[in-house]
Amino acid sequence: MSTALVKLRPCPESPAFVVHYRPVKPRTRNRLRNVAVAILGVLLVLGGFAYFAVHRAIVTRGAGDVHGGVAADFSLPDSTGTTVTLAGLTAHGPAVLVFYRGYW
């Protein structure tokens, strides 16, 4: 199967268009393939850099100002449906808050 450039030109004898095929030279085809591979390679490298930059920003961000801070009093249901307050949890010592989303 040979690759060809297709040009549609109006035909003066009829109202329809006539398709003219011009084969693509192998040199041009190789050049187009090399350019496409180069562009994909650059995009792959840039995507890798972007991934690691975002991942590093997330990992190095850490807990921020929350660590060691004092939380406002709240009441929320626990995993069994019982209402738990922060004051009730910290009455006997320090408490650790763990957040989870979804159904695990």
PDB file of N, CA and C in Angstrom:
ATOM      1  N   MET A   1       0.853  -1.174   0.000  1.00  0.00           N
ATOM      2  CA  MET A   1       0.000   0.000   0.000  1.00  0.00           C
ATOM      3  C   MET A   1       0.892   1.228   0.000  1.00  0.00           C
ATOM      4  N   SER A   2       0.745   2.082  -0.964  1.00  0.00           N
ATOM      5  CA  SER A   2       1.580   3.270  -1.045  1.00  0.00           C
ATOM      6  C   SER A   2       0.822   4.475  -0.500  1.00  0.00           C
ATOM      7  N   THR A   3       1.574   5.343   0.131  1.00  0.00           N
ATOM      8  CA  THR A   3       0.993   6.554   0.670  1.00  0.00           C
ATOM      9  C   THR A   3       0.946   7.597  -0.431  1.00  0.00           C
ATOM     10  N   ALA A   4      -0.124   8.354  -0.500  1.00  0.00           N
ATOM     11  CA  ALA A   4      -0.247   9.364  -1.551  1.00  0.00           C
ATOM     12  C   ALA A   4      -0.893  10.611  -0.983  1.00  0.00           C
ATOM     13  N   LEU A   5      -0.517  11.728  -1.536  1.00  0.00           N
ATOM     14  CA  LEU A   5      -1.185  12.976  -1.209  1.00  0.00           C
ATOM     15  C   LEU A   5      -2.389  13.105  -2.119  1.00  0.00           C
ATOM     16  N   VAL A   6      -3.503  13.513  -1.570  1.00  0.00           N
ATOM     17  CA  VAL A   6      -4.727  13.631  -2.349  1.00  0.00           C
ATOM     18  C   VAL A   6      -5.058  15.109  -2.478  1.00  0.00           C
ATOM     19  N   LYS A   7      -5.296  15.549  -3.697  1.00  0.00           N
ATOM     20  CA  LYS A   7      -5.711  16.926  -3.944  1.00  0.00           C
ATOM     21  C   LYS A   7      -7.035  16.898  -4.683  1.00  0.00           C
ATOM     22  N   LEU A   8      -7.954  17.682  -4.223  1.00  0.00           N
ATOM     23  CA  LEU A   8      -9.238  17.802  -4.904  1.00  0.00           C
ATOM     24  C   LEU A   8      -9.199  19.082  -5.723  1.00  0.00           C
ATOM     25  N   ARG A   9      -9.387  18.925  -7.018  1.00  0.00           N
ATOM     26  CA  ARG A   9      -9.397  20.080  -7.910  1.00  0.00           C
ATOM     27  C   ARG A   9     -10.720  20.098  -8.669  1.00  0.00           C
ATOM     28  N   PRO A  10     -11.279  21.259  -8.829  1.00  0.00           N
ATOM     29  CA  PRO A  10     -12.519  21.315  -9.613  1.00  0.00           C
ATOM     30  C   PRO A  10     -12.244  20.969 -11.075  1.00  0.00           C
ATOM     31  N   CYS A  11     -13.116  20.203 -11.621  1.00  0.00           N
ATOM     32  CA  CYS A  11     -12.983  19.795 -13.028  1.00  0.00           C
ATOM     33  C   CYS A  11     -13.879  20.709 -13.873  1.00  0.00           C
ATOM     34  N   PRO A  12     -13.304  21.391 -14.879  1.00  0.00           N
ATOM     35  CA  PRO A  12     -14.129  22.313 -15.664  1.00  0.00           C
ATOM     36  C   PRO A  12     -15.207  21.610 -16.503  1.00  0.00           C
ATOM     37  N   GLU A  13     -15.004  20.341 -16.802  1.00  0.00           N
ATOM     38  CA  GLU A  13     -15.970  19.634 -17.640  1.00  0.00           C
ATOM     39  C   GLU A  13     -17.195  19.157 -16.869  1.00  0.00           C
ATOM     40  N   SER A  14     -17.050  18.966 -15.568  1.00  0.00           N
ATOM     41  CA  SER A  14     -18.170  18.452 -14.782  1.00  0.00           C
ATOM     42  C   SER A  14     -18.241  19.211 -13.465  1.00  0.00           C
ATOM     43  N   PRO A  15     -19.412  19.204 -12.819  1.00  0.00           N
ATOM     44  CA  PRO A  15     -19.552  19.914 -11.549  1.00  0.00           C
ATOM     45  C   PRO A  15     -18.872  19.202 -10.375  1.00  0.00           C
ATOM     46  N   ALA A  16     -18.419  17.979 -10.580  1.00  0.00           N
ATOM     47  CA  ALA A  16     -17.798  17.208  -9.499  1.00  0.00           C
ATOM     48  C   ALA A  16     -16.307  17.532  -9.406  1.00  0.00           C
ATOM     49  N   PHE A  17     -15.698  17.060  -8.363  1.00  0.00           N
ATOM     50  CA  PHE A  17     -14.262  17.235  -8.177  1.00  0.00           C
ATOM     51  C   PHE A  17     -13.527  16.008  -8.677  1.00  0.00           C
ATOM     52  N   VAL A  18     -12.331  16.196  -9.158  1.00  0.00           N
ATOM     53  CA  VAL A  18     -11.498  15.096  -9.619  1.00  0.00           C
ATOM     54  C   VAL A  18     -10.370  14.918  -8.612  1.00  0.00           C
ATOM     55  N   VAL A  19     -10.103  13.685  -8.237  1.00  0.00           N
ATOM     56  CA  VAL A  19      -9.058  13.380  -7.275  1.00  0.00           C
ATOM     57  C   VAL A  19      -7.769  13.081  -8.026  1.00  0.00           C
ATOM     58  N   HIS A  20      -6.706  13.816  -7.709  1.00  0.00           N
ATOM     59  CA  HIS A  20      -5.399  13.588  -8.302  1.00  0.00           C
ATOM     60  C   HIS A  20      -4.489  13.005  -7.239  1.00  0.00           C
ATOM     61  N   TYR A  21      -3.901  11.859  -7.530  1.00  0.00           N
ATOM     62  CA  TYR A  21      -2.986  11.217  -6.600  1.00  0.00           C
ATOM     63  C   TYR A  21      -1.555  11.554  -6.985  1.00  0.00           C
ATOM     64  N   ARG A  22      -0.774  11.907  -5.974  1.00  0.00           N
ATOM     65  CA  ARG A  22       0.652  12.132  -6.183  1.00  0.00           C
ATOM     66  C   ARG A  22       1.378  11.326  -5.122  1.00  0.00           C
ATOM     67  N   PRO A  23       2.109  10.307  -5.515  1.00  0.00           N
ATOM     68  CA  PRO A  23       2.788   9.473  -4.516  1.00  0.00           C
ATOM     69  C   PRO A  23       3.772  10.292  -3.677  1.00  0.00           C
ATOM     70  N   VAL A  24       3.857   9.947  -2.395  1.00  0.00           N
ATOM     71  CA  VAL A  24       4.800  10.603  -1.490  1.00  0.00           C
ATOM     72  C   VAL A  24       6.145   9.900  -1.628  1.00  0.00           C
ATOM     73  N   LYS A  25       7.183  10.687  -1.772  1.00  0.00           N
ATOM     74  CA  LYS A  25       8.520  10.118  -1.923  1.00  0.00           C
ATOM     75  C   LYS A  25       8.943   9.461  -0.614  1.00  0.00           C
ATOM     76  N   PRO A  26       9.698   8.371  -0.690  1.00  0.00           N
ATOM     77  CA  PRO A  26      10.140   7.702   0.553  1.00  0.00           C
ATOM     78  C   PRO A  26      10.945   8.635   1.455  1.00  0.00           C
ATOM     79  N   ARG A  27      11.709   9.536   0.878  1.00  0.00           N
ATOM     80  CA  ARG A  27      12.499  10.464   1.687  1.00  0.00           C
ATOM     81  C   ARG A  27      11.591  11.380   2.505  1.00  0.00           C
ATOM     82  N   THR A  28      10.525  11.869   1.877  1.00  0.00           N
ATOM     83  CA  THR A  28       9.567  12.723   2.583  1.00  0.00           C
ATOM     84  C   THR A  28       8.844  11.934   3.661  1.00  0.00           C
ATOM     85  N   ARG A  29       8.472  10.703   3.339  1.00  0.00           N
ATOM     86  CA  ARG A  29       7.784   9.857   4.312  1.00  0.00           C
ATOM     87  C   ARG A  29       8.683   9.602   5.526  1.00  0.00           C
ATOM     88  N   ASN A  30       9.966   9.322   5.300  1.00  0.00           N
ATOM     89  CA  ASN A  30      10.897   9.100   6.410  1.00  0.00           C
ATOM     90  C   ASN A  30      11.078  10.363   7.237  1.00  0.00           C
ATOM     91  N   ARG A  31      11.134  11.504   6.569  1.00  0.00           N
ATOM     92  CA  ARG A  31      11.286  12.758   7.296  1.00  0.00           C
ATOM     93  C   ARG A  31      10.063  13.029   8.176  1.00  0.00           C
ATOM     94  N   LEU A  32       8.864  12.799   7.638  1.00  0.00           N
ATOM     95  CA  LEU A  32       7.651  12.991   8.430  1.00  0.00           C
ATOM     96  C   LEU A  32       7.621  12.043   9.621  1.00  0.00           C
ATOM     97  N   ARG A  33       8.016  10.789   9.413  1.00  0.00           N
ATOM     98  CA  ARG A  33       8.047   9.829  10.511  1.00  0.00           C
ATOM     99  C   ARG A  33       9.051  10.250  11.569  1.00  0.00           C
ATOM    100  N   ASN A  34      10.229  10.711  11.148  1.00  0.00           N
ATOM    101  CA  ASN A  34      11.247  11.149  12.107  1.00  0.00           C
ATOM    102  C   ASN A  34      10.785  12.358  12.905  1.00  0.00           C
ATOM    103  N   VAL A  35      10.099  13.288  12.271  1.00  0.00           N
ATOM    104  CA  VAL A  35       9.578  14.458  12.983  1.00  0.00           C
ATOM    105  C   VAL A  35       8.515  14.029  13.993  1.00  0.00           C
ATOM    106  N   ALA A  36       7.642  13.120  13.588  1.00  0.00           N
ATOM    107  CA  ALA A  36       6.599  12.637  14.508  1.00  0.00           C
ATOM    108  C   ALA A  36       7.209  11.921  15.705  1.00  0.00           C
ATOM    109  N   VAL A  37       8.217  11.101  15.474  1.00  0.00           N
ATOM    110  CA  VAL A  37       8.877  10.389  16.574  1.00  0.00           C
ATOM    111  C   VAL A  37       9.591  11.383  17.490  1.00  0.00           C
ATOM    112  N   ALA A  38      10.214  12.398  16.925  1.00  0.00           N
ATOM    113  CA  ALA A  38      10.899  13.407  17.741  1.00  0.00           C
ATOM    114  C   ALA A  38       9.910  14.183  18.599  1.00  0.00           C
ATOM    115  N   ILE A  39       8.779  14.566  18.020  1.00  0.00           N
ATOM    116  CA  ILE A  39       7.764  15.293  18.795  1.00  0.00           C
ATOM    117  C   ILE A  39       7.223  14.421  19.913  1.00  0.00           C
ATOM    118  N   LEU A  40       6.935  13.162  19.635  1.00  0.00           N
ATOM    119  CA  LEU A  40       6.445  12.261  20.680  1.00  0.00           C
ATOM    120  C   LEU A  40       7.490  12.056  21.777  1.00  0.00           C
ATOM    121  N   GLY A  41       8.765  11.967  21.393  1.00  0.00           N
ATOM    122  CA  GLY A  41       9.820  11.826  22.396  1.00  0.00           C
ATOM    123  C   GLY A  41       9.912  13.050  23.297  1.00  0.00           C
ATOM    124  N   VAL A  42       9.837  14.232  22.704  1.00  0.00           N
ATOM    125  CA  VAL A  42       9.879  15.466  23.509  1.00  0.00           C
ATOM    126  C   VAL A  42       8.683  15.532  24.452  1.00  0.00           C
ATOM    127  N   LEU A  43       7.505  15.182  23.955  1.00  0.00           N
ATOM    128  CA  LEU A  43       6.315  15.181  24.820  1.00  0.00           C
ATOM    129  C   LEU A  43       6.438  14.170  25.957  1.00  0.00           C
ATOM    130  N   LEU A  44       7.028  13.027  25.674  1.00  0.00           N
ATOM    131  CA  LEU A  44       7.225  12.013  26.707  1.00  0.00           C
ATOM    132  C   LEU A  44       8.181  12.516  27.785  1.00  0.00           C
ATOM    133  N   VAL A  45       9.275  13.134  27.379  1.00  0.00           N
ATOM    134  CA  VAL A  45      10.248  13.659  28.345  1.00  0.00           C
ATOM    135  C   VAL A  45       9.627  14.786  29.164  1.00  0.00           C
ATOM    136  N   LEU A  46       8.935  15.711  28.509  1.00  0.00           N
ATOM    137  CA  LEU A  46       8.300  16.811  29.240  1.00  0.00           C
ATOM    138  C   LEU A  46       7.221  16.298  30.195  1.00  0.00           C
ATOM    139  N   GLY A  47       6.480  15.285  29.768  1.00  0.00           N
ATOM    140  CA  GLY A  47       5.475  14.690  30.649  1.00  0.00           C
ATOM    141  C   GLY A  47       6.108  14.039  31.867  1.00  0.00           C
ATOM    142  N   GLY A  48       7.263  13.383  31.677  1.00  0.00           N
ATOM    143  CA  GLY A  48       7.974  12.789  32.813  1.00  0.00           C
ATOM    144  C   GLY A  48       8.459  13.839  33.788  1.00  0.00           C
ATOM    145  N   PHE A  49       9.031  14.932  33.257  1.00  0.00           N
ATOM    146  CA  PHE A  49       9.464  16.017  34.134  1.00  0.00           C
ATOM    147  C   PHE A  49       8.284  16.619  34.901  1.00  0.00           C
ATOM    148  N   ALA A  50       7.176  16.827  34.218  1.00  0.00           N
ATOM    149  CA  ALA A  50       5.997  17.402  34.878  1.00  0.00           C
ATOM    150  C   ALA A  50       5.474  16.468  35.966  1.00  0.00           C
ATOM    151  N   TYR A  51       5.445  15.161  35.682  1.00  0.00           N
ATOM    152  CA  TYR A  51       4.972  14.200  36.677  1.00  0.00           C
ATOM    153  C   TYR A  51       5.840  14.241  37.925  1.00  0.00           C
ATOM    154  N   PHE A  52       7.163  14.199  37.746  1.00  0.00           N
ATOM    155  CA  PHE A  52       8.045  14.189  38.906  1.00  0.00           C
ATOM    156  C   PHE A  52       8.038  15.519  39.639  1.00  0.00           C
ATOM    157  N   ALA A  53       7.855  16.626  38.924  1.00  0.00           N
ATOM    158  CA  ALA A  53       7.778  17.926  39.588  1.00  0.00           C
ATOM    159  C   ALA A  53       6.537  18.009  40.470  1.00  0.00           C
ATOM    160  N   VAL A  54       5.407  17.557  39.957  1.00  0.00           N
ATOM    161  CA  VAL A  54       4.174  17.576  40.748  1.00  0.00           C
ATOM    162  C   VAL A  54       4.276  16.590  41.905  1.00  0.00           C
ATOM    163  N   HIS A  55       4.821  15.402  41.637  1.00  0.00           N
ATOM    164  CA  HIS A  55       4.946  14.398  42.696  1.00  0.00           C
ATOM    165  C   HIS A  55       5.862  14.897  43.808  1.00  0.00           C
ATOM    166  N   ARG A  56       6.965  15.527  43.431  1.00  0.00           N
ATOM    167  CA  ARG A  56       7.889  16.052  44.439  1.00  0.00           C
ATOM    168  C   ARG A  56       7.236  17.162  45.254  1.00  0.00           C
ATOM    169  N   ALA A  57       6.444  18.023  44.598  1.00  0.00           N
ATOM    170  CA  ALA A  57       5.762  19.094  45.318  1.00  0.00           C
ATOM    171  C   ALA A  57       4.760  18.527  46.318  1.00  0.00           C
ATOM    172  N   ILE A  58       4.091  17.455  45.950  1.00  0.00           N
ATOM    173  CA  ILE A  58       3.115  16.849  46.857  1.00  0.00           C
ATOM    174  C   ILE A  58       3.829  16.177  48.027  1.00  0.00           C
ATOM    175  N   VAL A  59       4.915  15.465  47.740  1.00  0.00           N
ATOM    176  CA  VAL A  59       5.616  14.728  48.788  1.00  0.00           C
ATOM    177  C   VAL A  59       6.317  15.674  49.757  1.00  0.00           C
ATOM    178  N   THR A  60       6.933  16.724  49.249  1.00  0.00           N
ATOM    179  CA  THR A  60       7.688  17.614  50.126  1.00  0.00           C
ATOM    180  C   THR A  60       6.807  18.626  50.840  1.00  0.00           C
ATOM    181  N   ARG A  61       5.544  18.724  50.457  1.00  0.00           N
ATOM    182  CA  ARG A  61       4.664  19.688  51.106  1.00  0.00           C
ATOM    183  C   ARG A  61       4.411  19.305  52.562  1.00  0.00           C
ATOM    184  N   GLY A  62       4.234  18.039  52.815  1.00  0.00           N
ATOM    185  CA  GLY A  62       4.059  17.565  54.185  1.00  0.00           C
ATOM    186  C   GLY A  62       2.755  18.019  54.810  1.00  0.00           C
ATOM    187  N   ALA A  63       2.745  18.013  56.137  1.00  0.00           N
ATOM    188  CA  ALA A  63       1.529  18.337  56.880  1.00  0.00           C
ATOM    189  C   ALA A  63       1.302  19.831  57.008  1.00  0.00           C
ATOM    190  N   GLY A  64       2.310  20.639  56.768  1.00  0.00           N
ATOM    191  CA  GLY A  64       2.130  22.088  56.835  1.00  0.00           C
ATOM    192  C   GLY A  64       1.959  22.568  58.257  1.00  0.00           C
ATOM    193  N   ASP A  65       1.048  23.501  58.455  1.00  0.00           N
ATOM    194  CA  ASP A  65       0.831  24.129  59.761  1.00  0.00           C
ATOM    195  C   ASP A  65      -0.075  23.308  60.668  1.00  0.00           C
ATOM    196  N   VAL A  66      -0.625  22.233  60.172  1.00  0.00           N
ATOM    197  CA  VAL A  66      -1.573  21.455  60.969  1.00  0.00           C
ATOM    198  C   VAL A  66      -0.856  20.682  62.066  1.00  0.00           C
ATOM    199  N   HIS A  67       0.347  20.229  61.820  1.00  0.00           N
ATOM    200  CA  HIS A  67       1.073  19.413  62.783  1.00  0.00           C
ATOM    201  C   HIS A  67       1.326  20.197  64.071  1.00  0.00           C
ATOM    202  N   GLY A  68       0.866  19.666  65.164  1.00  0.00           N
ATOM    203  CA  GLY A  68       1.083  20.303  66.457  1.00  0.00           C
ATOM    204  C   GLY A  68       0.089  21.401  66.767  1.00  0.00           C
ATOM    205  N   GLY A  69      -0.830  21.668  65.881  1.00  0.00           N
ATOM    206  CA  GLY A  69      -1.811  22.728  66.111  1.00  0.00           C
ATOM    207  C   GLY A  69      -2.968  22.227  66.958  1.00  0.00           C
ATOM    208  N   VAL A  70      -3.796  23.151  67.371  1.00  0.00           N
ATOM    209  CA  VAL A  70      -4.971  22.822  68.183  1.00  0.00           C
ATOM    210  C   VAL A  70      -6.203  22.937  67.293  1.00  0.00           C
ATOM    211  N   ALA A  71      -6.979  21.874  67.233  1.00  0.00           N
ATOM    212  CA  ALA A  71      -8.187  21.859  66.406  1.00  0.00           C
ATOM    213  C   ALA A  71      -9.369  22.397  67.189  1.00  0.00           C
ATOM    214  N   ALA A  72     -10.315  22.988  66.478  1.00  0.00           N
ATOM    215  CA  ALA A  72     -11.551  23.463  67.116  1.00  0.00           C
ATOM    216  C   ALA A  72     -12.398  22.254  67.510  1.00  0.00           C
ATOM    217  N   ASP A  73     -13.204  22.416  68.547  1.00  0.00           N
ATOM    218  CA  ASP A  73     -14.044  21.316  69.006  1.00  0.00           C
ATOM    219  C   ASP A  73     -15.087  20.989  67.939  1.00  0.00           C
ATOM    220  N   PHE A  74     -15.339  19.698  67.733  1.00  0.00           N
ATOM    221  CA  PHE A  74     -16.300  19.253  66.727  1.00  0.00           C
ATOM    222  C   PHE A  74     -16.932  17.964  67.191  1.00  0.00           C
ATOM    223  N   SER A  75     -18.014  17.596  66.528  1.00  0.00           N
ATOM    224  CA  SER A  75     -18.645  16.295  66.769  1.00  0.00           C
ATOM    225  C   SER A  75     -18.997  15.696  65.414  1.00  0.00           C
ATOM    226  N   LEU A  76     -18.583  14.442  65.231  1.00  0.00           N
ATOM    227  CA  LEU A  76     -18.805  13.720  63.983  1.00  0.00           C
ATOM    228  C   LEU A  76     -19.127  12.265  64.276  1.00  0.00           C
ATOM    229  N   PRO A  77     -19.827  11.597  63.354  1.00  0.00           N
ATOM    230  CA  PRO A  77     -20.069  10.169  63.560  1.00  0.00           C
ATOM    231  C   PRO A  77     -18.810   9.371  63.211  1.00  0.00           C
ATOM    232  N   ASP A  78     -18.547   8.305  63.985  1.00  0.00           N
ATOM    233  CA  ASP A  78     -17.412   7.437  63.670  1.00  0.00           C
ATOM    234  C   ASP A  78     -17.866   6.355  62.697  1.00  0.00           C
ATOM    235  N   SER A  79     -17.034   5.349  62.458  1.00  0.00           N
ATOM    236  CA  SER A  79     -17.345   4.319  61.469  1.00  0.00           C
ATOM    237  C   SER A  79     -18.522   3.441  61.873  1.00  0.00           C
ATOM    238  N   THR A  80     -18.880   3.421  63.167  1.00  0.00           N
ATOM    239  CA  THR A  80     -20.030   2.625  63.618  1.00  0.00           C
ATOM    240  C   THR A  80     -21.296   3.456  63.730  1.00  0.00           C
ATOM    241  N   GLY A  81     -21.195   4.790  63.512  1.00  0.00           N
ATOM    242  CA  GLY A  81     -22.363   5.656  63.571  1.00  0.00           C
ATOM    243  C   GLY A  81     -22.515   6.388  64.889  1.00  0.00           C
ATOM    244  N   THR A  82     -21.661   6.109  65.867  1.00  0.00           N
ATOM    245  CA  THR A  82     -21.718   6.781  67.163  1.00  0.00           C
ATOM    246  C   THR A  82     -21.121   8.179  67.040  1.00  0.00           C
ATOM    247  N   THR A  83     -21.773   9.178  67.616  1.00  0.00           N
ATOM    248  CA  THR A  83     -21.263  10.540  67.566  1.00  0.00           C
ATOM    249  C   THR A  83     -20.106  10.691  68.544  1.00  0.00           C
ATOM    250  N   VAL A  84     -18.999  11.213  68.048  1.00  0.00           N
ATOM    251  CA  VAL A  84     -17.787  11.383  68.837  1.00  0.00           C
ATOM    252  C   VAL A  84     -17.412  12.860  68.807  1.00  0.00           C
ATOM    253  N   THR A  85     -17.028  13.412  69.982  1.00  0.00           N
ATOM    254  CA  THR A  85     -16.588  14.799  70.036  1.00  0.00           C
ATOM    255  C   THR A  85     -15.094  14.839  70.301  1.00  0.00           C
ATOM    256  N   LEU A  86     -14.456  15.926  69.850  1.00  0.00           N
ATOM    257  CA  LEU A  86     -13.028  16.079  70.089  1.00  0.00           C
ATOM    258  C   LEU A  86     -12.753  16.252  71.576  1.00  0.00           C
ATOM    259  N   ALA A  87     -13.622  16.952  72.287  1.00  0.00           N
ATOM    260  CA  ALA A  87     -13.432  17.135  73.731  1.00  0.00           C
ATOM    261  C   ALA A  87     -13.476  15.787  74.453  1.00  0.00           C
ATOM    262  N   GLY A  88     -14.360  14.903  74.020  1.00  0.00           N
ATOM    263  CA  GLY A  88     -14.442  13.578  74.629  1.00  0.00           C
ATOM    264  C   GLY A  88     -13.213  12.739  74.345  1.00  0.00           C
ATOM    265  N   LEU A  89     -12.637  12.892  73.155  1.00  0.00           N
ATOM    266  CA  LEU A  89     -11.446  12.123  72.815  1.00  0.00           C
ATOM    267  C   LEU A  89     -10.209  12.627  73.545  1.00  0.00           C
ATOM    268  N   THR A  90     -10.097  13.927  73.730  1.00  0.00           N
ATOM    269  CA  THR A  90      -8.902  14.497  74.358  1.00  0.00           C
ATOM    270  C   THR A  90      -9.020  14.607  75.873  1.00  0.00           C
ATOM    271  N   ALA A  91     -10.109  14.135  76.450  1.00  0.00           N
ATOM    272  CA  ALA A  91     -10.279  14.218  77.899  1.00  0.00           C
ATOM    273  C   ALA A  91      -9.251  13.347  78.627  1.00  0.00           C
ATOM    274  N   HIS A  92      -8.834  12.259  78.034  1.00  0.00           N
ATOM    275  CA  HIS A  92      -7.900  11.331  78.686  1.00  0.00           C
ATOM    276  C   HIS A  92      -6.486  11.407  78.113  1.00  0.00           C
ATOM    277  N   GLY A  93      -6.245  12.291  77.136  1.00  0.00           N
ATOM    278  CA  GLY A  93      -4.912  12.411  76.540  1.00  0.00           C
ATOM    279  C   GLY A  93      -5.008  12.894  75.101  1.00  0.00           C
ATOM    280  N   PRO A  94      -3.888  12.902  74.425  1.00  0.00           N
ATOM    281  CA  PRO A  94      -3.900  13.386  73.042  1.00  0.00           C
ATOM    282  C   PRO A  94      -4.693  12.460  72.120  1.00  0.00           C
ATOM    283  N   ALA A  95      -5.168  13.030  71.010  1.00  0.00           N
ATOM    284  CA  ALA A  95      -5.941  12.267  70.025  1.00  0.00           C
ATOM    285  C   ALA A  95      -5.317  12.450  68.647  1.00  0.00           C
ATOM    286  N   VAL A  96      -5.480  11.444  67.824  1.00  0.00           N
ATOM    287  CA  VAL A  96      -5.006  11.492  66.447  1.00  0.00           C
ATOM    288  C   VAL A  96      -6.230  11.451  65.541  1.00  0.00           C
ATOM    289  N   LEU A  97      -6.299  12.391  64.606  1.00  0.00           N
ATOM    290  CA  LEU A  97      -7.418  12.429  63.660  1.00  0.00           C
ATOM    291  C   LEU A  97      -6.982  11.756  62.359  1.00  0.00           C
ATOM    292  N   VAL A  98      -7.807  10.849  61.877  1.00  0.00           N
ATOM    293  CA  VAL A  98      -7.538  10.161  60.616  1.00  0.00           C
ATOM    294  C   VAL A  98      -8.748  10.370  59.720  1.00  0.00           C
ATOM    295  N   PHE A  99      -8.515  10.874  58.518  1.00  0.00           N
ATOM    296  CA  PHE A  99      -9.594  11.093  57.560  1.00  0.00           C
ATOM    297  C   PHE A  99      -9.501  10.035  56.475  1.00  0.00           C
ATOM    298  N   TYR A 100     -10.634   9.464  56.134  1.00  0.00           N
ATOM    299  CA  TYR A 100     -10.669   8.564  54.994  1.00  0.00           C
ATOM    300  C   TYR A 100     -11.926   8.859  54.192  1.00  0.00           C
ATOM    301  N   ARG A 101     -11.808   8.652  52.880  1.00  0.00           N
ATOM    302  CA  ARG A 101     -12.935   8.915  51.980  1.00  0.00           C
ATOM    303  C   ARG A 101     -13.367   7.614  51.319  1.00  0.00           C
ATOM    304  N   GLY A 102     -14.620   7.527  51.048  1.00  0.00           N
ATOM    305  CA  GLY A 102     -15.129   6.393  50.295  1.00  0.00           C
ATOM    306  C   GLY A 102     -15.349   5.163  51.155  1.00  0.00           C
ATOM    307  N   TYR A 103     -15.596   4.056  50.469  1.00  0.00           N
ATOM    308  CA  TYR A 103     -15.844   2.792  51.136  1.00  0.00           C
ATOM    309  C   TYR A 103     -14.652   1.887  50.915  1.00  0.00           C
ATOM    310  N   TRP A 104     -13.932   1.574  51.963  1.00  0.00           N
ATOM    311  CA  TRP A 104     -12.724   0.736  51.852  1.00  0.00           C
ATOM    312  C   TRP A 104     -13.011  -0.651  52.313  1.00  0.00           C
TER     313      TRP A 104
END
